[in-house]
Amino acid sequence: MKEIPLRDTSLEATFIAYEAKFKALADQKRLHIMHLLCQHGSTCVCDLSEMITMPQSKLSYHLKILLDAGLIRKETKGTWSYYELNSEEVSHLLSEKLCCLFRPSC
């Protein structure tokens, strides 16, 4: 089956960006990480590893997916990495702007 290309490249880029965000959200472990960051604010990766009882290597994998999707932020202080929820992006996903993509009147 031949794939039909989208004509509006900005619309296609928007769909690709949302796809990455929703794929990142479609995992229980990543949702758990986001919940912990929401509850605790900026948190060191070593503390997150203890809170979620997950090896740091596996946690890093999930954090990278969330980072790439723009759902969390990372700040490096010395040798430690601190992560926090990107509240603006999370709010944006729940916003009128996203819903507008699927309303004919917008």
C-alpha atoms as a PDB file:
ATOM      1  CA  MET A   1       0.000   0.000   0.000  1.00  0.00           C
ATOM      2  CA  LYS A   2       1.442   3.355  -1.065  1.00  0.00           C
ATOM      3  CA  GLU A   3       1.700   6.049   1.625  1.00  0.00           C
ATOM      4  CA  ILE A   4       0.035   9.346   0.710  1.00  0.00           C
ATOM      5  CA  PRO A   5       2.301  12.278   1.662  1.00  0.00           C
ATOM      6  CA  LEU A   6       0.839  15.172   3.638  1.00  0.00           C
ATOM      7  CA  ARG A   7       0.815  18.393   1.642  1.00  0.00           C
ATOM      8  CA  ASP A   8       1.312  20.793   4.526  1.00  0.00           C
ATOM      9  CA  THR A   9       4.827  20.164   5.880  1.00  0.00           C
ATOM     10  CA  SER A  10       4.175  22.271   8.971  1.00  0.00           C
ATOM     11  CA  LEU A  11       1.116  20.154   9.708  1.00  0.00           C
ATOM     12  CA  GLU A  12       3.171  17.005   9.138  1.00  0.00           C
ATOM     13  CA  ALA A  13       5.862  18.306  11.529  1.00  0.00           C
ATOM     14  CA  THR A  14       3.153  19.027  14.105  1.00  0.00           C
ATOM     15  CA  PHE A  15       1.824  15.477  13.801  1.00  0.00           C
ATOM     16  CA  ILE A  16       5.332  14.026  14.156  1.00  0.00           C
ATOM     17  CA  ALA A  17       5.975  16.100  17.292  1.00  0.00           C
ATOM     18  CA  TYR A  18       2.683  15.035  18.884  1.00  0.00           C
ATOM     19  CA  GLU A  19       3.323  11.418  17.938  1.00  0.00           C
ATOM     20  CA  ALA A  20       6.615  11.476  19.882  1.00  0.00           C
ATOM     21  CA  LYS A  21       4.932  13.066  22.891  1.00  0.00           C
ATOM     22  CA  PHE A  22       2.079  10.574  22.988  1.00  0.00           C
ATOM     23  CA  LYS A  23       4.424   7.625  22.448  1.00  0.00           C
ATOM     24  CA  ALA A  24       6.455   8.859  25.415  1.00  0.00           C
ATOM     25  CA  LEU A  25       3.279   9.054  27.492  1.00  0.00           C
ATOM     26  CA  ALA A  26       2.144   5.580  26.432  1.00  0.00           C
ATOM     27  CA  ASP A  27       4.350   3.794  28.950  1.00  0.00           C
ATOM     28  CA  GLN A  28       3.476   3.166  32.592  1.00  0.00           C
ATOM     29  CA  LYS A  29       7.079   3.572  33.788  1.00  0.00           C
ATOM     30  CA  ARG A  30       7.429   6.958  32.108  1.00  0.00           C
ATOM     31  CA  LEU A  31       4.095   8.090  33.527  1.00  0.00           C
ATOM     32  CA  HIS A  32       5.376   7.026  36.957  1.00  0.00           C
ATOM     33  CA  ILE A  33       8.572   9.052  36.432  1.00  0.00           C
ATOM     34  CA  MET A  34       6.542  12.108  35.425  1.00  0.00           C
ATOM     35  CA  HIS A  35       4.312  11.693  38.476  1.00  0.00           C
ATOM     36  CA  LEU A  36       7.348  11.536  40.775  1.00  0.00           C
ATOM     37  CA  LEU A  37       8.801  14.675  39.172  1.00  0.00           C
ATOM     38  CA  CYS A  38       5.462  16.403  39.587  1.00  0.00           C
ATOM     39  CA  GLN A  39       5.388  15.476  43.283  1.00  0.00           C
ATOM     40  CA  HIS A  40       9.046  16.198  44.107  1.00  0.00           C
ATOM     41  CA  GLY A  41      10.090  18.919  41.667  1.00  0.00           C
ATOM     42  CA  SER A  42      13.676  18.972  40.412  1.00  0.00           C
ATOM     43  CA  THR A  43      15.167  15.600  41.356  1.00  0.00           C
ATOM     44  CA  CYS A  44      18.594  14.034  40.980  1.00  0.00           C
ATOM     45  CA  VAL A  45      18.693  10.929  38.799  1.00  0.00           C
ATOM     46  CA  CYS A  46      20.193   8.929  41.681  1.00  0.00           C
ATOM     47  CA  ASP A  47      17.215   9.830  43.910  1.00  0.00           C
ATOM     48  CA  LEU A  48      14.766   9.014  41.122  1.00  0.00           C
ATOM     49  CA  SER A  49      16.399   5.620  40.712  1.00  0.00           C
ATOM     50  CA  GLU A  50      15.754   4.853  44.385  1.00  0.00           C
ATOM     51  CA  MET A  51      12.182   6.197  44.324  1.00  0.00           C
ATOM     52  CA  ILE A  52      11.167   4.102  41.344  1.00  0.00           C
ATOM     53  CA  THR A  53      13.337   1.063  42.229  1.00  0.00           C
ATOM     54  CA  MET A  54      14.792   0.876  38.746  1.00  0.00           C
ATOM     55  CA  PRO A  55      18.435   0.510  37.726  1.00  0.00           C
ATOM     56  CA  GLN A  56      19.922   3.835  36.676  1.00  0.00           C
ATOM     57  CA  SER A  57      20.691   2.552  33.164  1.00  0.00           C
ATOM     58  CA  LYS A  58      17.052   1.630  32.539  1.00  0.00           C
ATOM     59  CA  LEU A  59      15.874   4.886  34.114  1.00  0.00           C
ATOM     60  CA  SER A  60      18.201   6.837  31.812  1.00  0.00           C
ATOM     61  CA  TYR A  61      16.591   5.153  28.806  1.00  0.00           C
ATOM     62  CA  HIS A  62      13.121   6.324  29.892  1.00  0.00           C
ATOM     63  CA  LEU A  63      14.359   9.799  30.826  1.00  0.00           C
ATOM     64  CA  LYS A  64      15.861  10.223  27.350  1.00  0.00           C
ATOM     65  CA  ILE A  65      12.536   9.421  25.703  1.00  0.00           C
ATOM     66  CA  LEU A  66      10.769  11.954  27.947  1.00  0.00           C
ATOM     67  CA  LEU A  67      13.494  14.536  27.257  1.00  0.00           C
ATOM     68  CA  ASP A  68      13.338  14.017  23.499  1.00  0.00           C
ATOM     69  CA  ALA A  69       9.562  14.492  23.643  1.00  0.00           C
ATOM     70  CA  GLY A  70      10.026  17.732  25.606  1.00  0.00           C
ATOM     71  CA  LEU A  71       7.989  16.469  28.560  1.00  0.00           C
ATOM     72  CA  ILE A  72      10.803  16.903  31.089  1.00  0.00           C
ATOM     73  CA  ARG A  73      13.849  19.166  31.439  1.00  0.00           C
ATOM     74  CA  LYS A  74      17.389  18.316  32.483  1.00  0.00           C
ATOM     75  CA  GLU A  75      19.895  20.437  34.348  1.00  0.00           C
ATOM     76  CA  THR A  76      23.436  19.261  35.032  1.00  0.00           C
ATOM     77  CA  LYS A  77      25.105  20.403  38.253  1.00  0.00           C
ATOM     78  CA  GLY A  78      28.651  19.126  38.485  1.00  0.00           C
ATOM     79  CA  THR A  79      28.479  15.409  37.772  1.00  0.00           C
ATOM     80  CA  TRP A  80      24.787  15.033  38.665  1.00  0.00           C
ATOM     81  CA  SER A  81      21.778  15.408  36.416  1.00  0.00           C
ATOM     82  CA  TYR A  82      18.559  16.845  37.800  1.00  0.00           C
ATOM     83  CA  TYR A  83      15.236  16.374  36.074  1.00  0.00           C
ATOM     84  CA  GLU A  84      11.986  18.259  36.364  1.00  0.00           C
ATOM     85  CA  LEU A  85       8.613  18.114  34.684  1.00  0.00           C
ATOM     86  CA  ASN A  86       8.152  20.546  31.799  1.00  0.00           C
ATOM     87  CA  SER A  87       4.834  21.850  33.121  1.00  0.00           C
ATOM     88  CA  GLU A  88       4.274  24.153  30.164  1.00  0.00           C
ATOM     89  CA  GLU A  89       4.527  21.278  27.695  1.00  0.00           C
ATOM     90  CA  VAL A  90       2.316  19.002  29.775  1.00  0.00           C
ATOM     91  CA  SER A  91      -0.271  21.780  30.064  1.00  0.00           C
ATOM     92  CA  HIS A  92      -0.004  22.358  26.327  1.00  0.00           C
ATOM     93  CA  LEU A  93      -0.896  18.714  25.657  1.00  0.00           C
ATOM     94  CA  LEU A  94      -4.081  19.193  27.654  1.00  0.00           C
ATOM     95  CA  SER A  95      -4.856  22.543  26.074  1.00  0.00           C
ATOM     96  CA  GLU A  96      -7.307  24.023  23.643  1.00  0.00           C
ATOM     97  CA  LYS A  97      -4.490  24.339  21.081  1.00  0.00           C
ATOM     98  CA  LEU A  98      -4.189  20.563  20.667  1.00  0.00           C
ATOM     99  CA  CYS A  99      -7.935  20.070  20.684  1.00  0.00           C
ATOM    100  CA  CYS A 100      -8.156  22.703  17.936  1.00  0.00           C
ATOM    101  CA  LEU A 101      -6.396  20.335  15.528  1.00  0.00           C
ATOM    102  CA  PHE A 102      -9.510  18.172  15.609  1.00  0.00           C
ATOM    103  CA  ARG A 103     -12.265  20.819  15.540  1.00  0.00           C
ATOM    104  CA  PRO A 104     -13.488  22.077  12.180  1.00  0.00           C
ATOM    105  CA  SER A 105     -14.278  25.545  13.556  1.00  0.00           C
ATOM    106  CA  CYS A 106     -10.684  26.391  14.628  1.00  0.00           C
END
